[in-house]
Protein backbone atom coordinates (compact mmCIF):
# COMPACT_ATOMS: atom_id res chain seq x y z
CA MET A 1 0.48 -0.36 0.08
CA LYS A 2 2.56 2.35 1.09
CA LYS A 3 4.45 1.47 -2.24
CA THR A 4 1.26 2.46 -4.38
CA ILE A 5 0.91 5.68 -2.30
CA ILE A 6 4.80 6.74 -3.17
CA GLY A 7 4.44 5.59 -6.67
CA ASN A 8 1.46 7.51 -7.26
CA ILE A 9 2.87 10.83 -5.62
CA LEU A 10 6.05 10.24 -7.75
CA ILE A 11 3.94 10.21 -11.11
CA LEU A 12 1.68 13.16 -10.25
CA ALA A 13 5.21 14.94 -9.61
CA LEU A 14 6.59 13.87 -12.89
CA GLY A 15 3.73 15.17 -14.49
CA ALA A 16 3.79 18.26 -13.21
CA LEU A 17 7.18 18.33 -14.28
CA THR A 18 6.23 17.60 -17.70
CA ALA A 19 3.86 20.26 -17.87
CA GLN A 20 6.00 22.79 -16.37
CA SER A 21 8.72 22.32 -18.63
CA SER A 22 7.01 21.81 -21.65
CA LYS A 23 5.87 25.66 -21.21
CA ALA A 24 10.46 26.41 -20.99
CA GLN A 25 11.00 24.51 -24.06
CA GLY A 26 11.10 26.26 -27.59
CA THR A 27 13.16 29.18 -29.05
CA VAL A 28 11.14 32.43 -29.17
CA THR A 29 12.26 35.48 -31.41
CA TYR A 30 11.63 38.61 -28.88
CA PRO A 31 12.67 42.13 -29.82
CA SER A 32 12.88 42.17 -33.67
CA ASN A 33 13.32 45.30 -36.23
CA LEU A 34 14.91 43.45 -39.20
CA GLY A 35 11.29 44.01 -41.39
CA GLN A 36 11.89 47.82 -41.05
CA PRO A 37 13.59 49.82 -43.99
CA SER A 38 17.51 50.21 -43.23
CA GLY A 39 18.20 54.44 -43.06
CA GLY A 40 21.68 54.27 -42.92
CA ALA A 41 24.53 52.65 -41.05
CA ALA A 42 26.28 52.84 -37.79
CA SER A 43 30.27 52.77 -39.14
CA VAL A 44 31.78 50.14 -37.00
CA GLY A 45 35.77 50.41 -36.14
CA SER A 46 38.21 49.98 -33.37
CA ASN A 47 38.18 53.38 -32.48
CA SER A 48 34.07 53.28 -32.93
CA TRP A 49 31.89 51.01 -30.91
CA PHE A 50 28.00 51.05 -30.93
CA ALA A 51 25.68 49.25 -28.80
CA ALA A 52 22.03 48.82 -28.73
CA ASP A 53 20.21 47.69 -25.34
CA PHE A 54 17.22 45.64 -24.51
CA ILE A 55 15.06 45.00 -21.47
CA SER A 56 14.67 40.80 -20.71
CA GLY A 57 10.89 39.16 -19.95
CA THR A 58 9.33 38.69 -16.81
CA ASN A 59 9.94 34.69 -16.83
CA VAL A 60 10.86 34.01 -13.72
CA GLY A 61 14.03 31.38 -14.34
CA GLY A 62 15.14 33.48 -16.86
CA TYR A 63 16.05 32.95 -20.83
CA VAL A 64 18.81 30.93 -22.30
CA LEU A 65 20.29 33.10 -25.20
CA ASN A 66 20.47 31.36 -28.11
CA SER A 67 21.54 33.57 -31.37
CA VAL A 68 21.27 37.42 -32.48
CA GLN A 69 20.68 38.19 -36.02
CA LEU A 70 21.96 41.64 -37.02
CA ALA A 71 21.19 43.53 -40.46
CA MET A 72 24.28 44.70 -41.97
CA THR A 73 24.75 47.15 -45.05
CA ASP A 74 27.82 47.00 -47.04
CA ALA A 75 31.07 47.80 -45.23
CA SER A 76 33.82 50.42 -46.24
CA GLY A 77 37.33 50.48 -47.09
CA ASN A 78 38.94 47.22 -46.01
CA PRO A 79 38.01 46.47 -41.93
CA SER A 80 38.88 43.30 -40.05
CA GLY A 81 37.62 41.77 -37.12
CA PHE A 82 34.02 42.06 -36.72
CA THR A 83 32.90 41.18 -33.10
CA VAL A 84 29.75 41.02 -31.57
CA MET A 85 29.41 40.65 -28.06
CA ILE A 86 26.45 40.75 -24.84
CA TYR A 87 27.14 43.29 -21.86
CA ASN A 88 25.42 43.98 -18.94
CA GLU A 89 24.14 47.07 -17.48
CA GLY A 90 26.82 49.33 -16.38
CA ASN A 91 26.75 51.62 -13.04
CA SER A 92 26.52 54.96 -14.26
CA PRO A 93 24.87 58.32 -12.46
CA GLY A 94 23.96 59.41 -15.77
CA GLY A 95 21.94 56.70 -16.87
CA ILE A 96 21.85 53.14 -18.29
CA ILE A 97 25.22 52.35 -20.39
CA PRO A 98 26.89 48.73 -21.27
CA GLY A 99 28.92 47.32 -18.17
CA VAL A 100 31.09 44.77 -18.93
CA SER A 101 31.35 41.70 -21.25
CA LEU A 102 29.32 38.38 -20.44
CA GLY A 103 30.41 36.70 -23.49
CA THR A 104 31.43 37.18 -27.13
CA LEU A 105 29.14 36.01 -30.02
CA THR A 106 30.54 33.58 -32.60
CA GLY A 107 29.73 34.02 -36.55
CA SER A 108 31.33 36.17 -39.33
CA ALA A 109 33.94 38.26 -38.53
CA ASN A 110 33.76 39.90 -42.13
CA PRO A 111 30.21 40.86 -42.52
CA THR A 112 31.44 43.25 -45.65
CA THR A 113 28.03 42.60 -48.13
CA THR A 114 24.45 43.87 -47.26
CA GLY A 115 22.37 41.03 -45.72
CA THR A 116 21.30 39.77 -41.89
CA TYR A 117 24.19 37.49 -40.26
CA SER A 118 23.68 35.46 -37.10
CA TYR A 119 25.77 34.99 -34.21
CA THR A 120 25.54 32.87 -31.37
CA PRO A 121 26.91 32.42 -27.94
CA SER A 122 30.15 30.15 -27.67
CA ALA A 123 28.95 28.74 -24.33
CA SER A 124 25.63 28.91 -22.31
CA LEU A 125 24.22 32.61 -22.17
CA MET A 126 21.65 33.08 -19.39
CA LEU A 127 19.39 36.11 -19.06
CA SER A 128 18.34 37.57 -15.97
CA PRO A 129 14.32 38.64 -15.97
CA ASN A 130 13.34 41.93 -15.90
CA SER A 131 17.29 42.85 -16.91
CA TYR A 132 18.75 45.39 -19.42
CA TYR A 133 21.49 44.19 -21.52
CA PHE A 134 23.69 45.35 -24.31
CA ILE A 135 24.47 43.77 -27.95
CA VAL A 136 27.89 45.62 -28.52
CA VAL A 137 29.85 45.37 -31.75
CA ILE A 138 33.50 46.52 -32.31
CA ALA A 139 36.20 46.16 -35.38
CA GLY A 140 39.52 45.53 -34.97
CA THR A 141 40.64 48.15 -37.50
CA ALA A 142 40.03 52.03 -36.93
CA VAL A 143 37.35 54.16 -39.20
CA ALA A 144 39.73 55.36 -40.98
CA ASN A 145 41.11 51.98 -42.52
CA GLY A 146 37.27 50.85 -43.46
CA ALA A 147 34.42 50.42 -41.37
CA TYR A 148 31.55 47.80 -40.90
CA GLY A 149 27.92 48.90 -41.32
CA TRP A 150 25.30 48.06 -38.50
CA SER A 151 22.32 48.83 -40.33
CA VAL A 152 19.94 51.55 -38.68
CA THR A 153 16.27 52.37 -38.94
CA SER A 154 14.02 55.02 -37.70
CA THR A 155 11.60 52.81 -36.23
CA PRO A 156 12.30 50.33 -32.67
CA SER A 157 11.33 46.82 -32.14
CA PRO A 158 7.18 46.70 -31.36
CA GLY A 159 8.59 46.21 -27.49
CA TYR A 160 10.47 49.54 -27.25
CA ASN A 161 7.82 50.42 -25.17
CA SER A 162 6.56 47.98 -23.18
CA TYR A 163 9.69 47.40 -20.84
CA HIS A 164 10.19 44.07 -21.74
CA TRP A 165 11.99 42.78 -24.73
CA GLY A 166 12.18 46.69 -25.74
CA GLY A 167 15.48 47.73 -27.08
CA GLU A 168 17.76 49.26 -29.81
CA ILE A 169 18.55 52.61 -28.00
CA MET A 170 21.86 52.98 -29.59
CA PHE A 171 25.00 53.93 -28.10
CA GLY A 172 28.03 55.21 -29.37
CA ASP A 173 31.32 57.21 -29.92
CA SER A 174 33.18 54.75 -27.28
CA SER A 175 36.98 53.70 -28.35
CA ASP A 176 37.26 51.53 -25.29
CA GLY A 177 34.20 50.20 -24.50
CA VAL A 178 33.56 51.96 -21.03
CA ASN A 179 32.83 55.60 -21.87
CA TRP A 180 29.85 56.17 -24.17
CA ASP A 181 27.34 58.37 -25.34
CA TYR A 182 23.99 58.30 -26.77
CA THR A 183 23.48 58.68 -30.67
CA THR A 184 20.87 59.97 -32.79
CA THR A 185 22.25 57.42 -35.25
CA GLY A 186 19.22 55.61 -35.24
CA TYR A 187 17.96 52.21 -33.90
CA GLY A 188 20.23 49.38 -34.41
CA GLN A 189 18.46 46.48 -36.38
CA PHE A 190 18.50 43.29 -34.82
CA ALA A 191 16.38 40.29 -33.86
CA LEU A 192 17.44 38.13 -30.44
CA ASN A 193 16.60 34.33 -30.27
CA ALA A 194 16.08 33.11 -26.57
CA THR A 195 14.45 30.19 -24.66
CA PRO A 196 12.55 30.55 -21.27
CA ALA A 197 14.28 28.81 -18.69
CA PRO A 198 12.36 26.54 -16.32
CA GLU A 199 11.18 28.10 -13.32
CA PRO A 200 13.78 27.37 -9.89
CA GLY A 201 10.96 25.15 -8.50
CA VAL A 202 10.70 22.89 -11.39
CA LEU A 203 14.13 22.04 -10.75
CA GLY A 204 13.54 19.72 -7.75
CA LEU A 205 10.93 18.04 -9.94
CA PHE A 206 13.32 16.74 -11.61
CA ALA A 207 14.86 14.86 -9.02
CA LEU A 208 11.50 13.91 -7.98
CA GLY A 209 11.37 12.00 -11.66
CA GLY A 210 14.49 10.68 -11.18
CA LEU A 211 13.33 8.85 -8.09
CA LEU A 212 10.45 7.64 -9.92
CA VAL A 213 12.30 6.31 -13.00
CA ALA A 214 14.36 4.67 -9.46
CA PHE A 215 11.24 3.04 -7.90
CA GLN A 216 9.50 1.70 -11.17
CA ARG A 217 12.54 -0.18 -11.94
CA ARG A 218 13.19 -1.81 -8.02
CA LYS A 219 9.44 -2.89 -8.37
CA ALA A 220 10.06 -4.54 -12.03
CA ARG A 221 12.84 -6.33 -10.10
CA THR A 222 10.52 -6.99 -6.64
CA VAL A 223 7.39 -8.49 -9.58
CA ALA A 224 10.01 -10.41 -11.51
């Protein structure tokens, strides 16, 4: 009788695990203004960093960053070493600015022709809920020798004023990634794809699920 009760409890727990974890599965495109017409480009170089902010959503467990797509225009001159990073929020009495790098994304290091380029984390990168983050782009050469063009538009993503996955306020005029100014260049064109992570309580259900498997195996051996 006791085994039956325990088994039923574990089955219910596993059912709850399946229901909750299913909600956390699947990649979702959050902010995106890639469908807007380009209104020019931000010239990216080693002495001309640019950043666009976004605010993560409300999922309690946070989000796993899957990829970022950037709209690029034709480069000028002969640039090299294009790099995309994710920054957290910095501390500044004057407002919200990029902080420090959380990781470099992998993708084309030489996006010289107009198109959309995808960049992915080289290691798992978690985003906390309701937090400011920044897509930061730089290059290995000074603008005088050539620059990559990050396409900009006059229209931000649909979530811009919702404070959840809104973004595209542009920062620029930085040559060191520390000192930043707002720029009127436009809104950097990008899309961000992420997967909602399970809520903290769901992790405990995974342990119960493991206990259920062990219980069923033990029961099978006993019957045999």
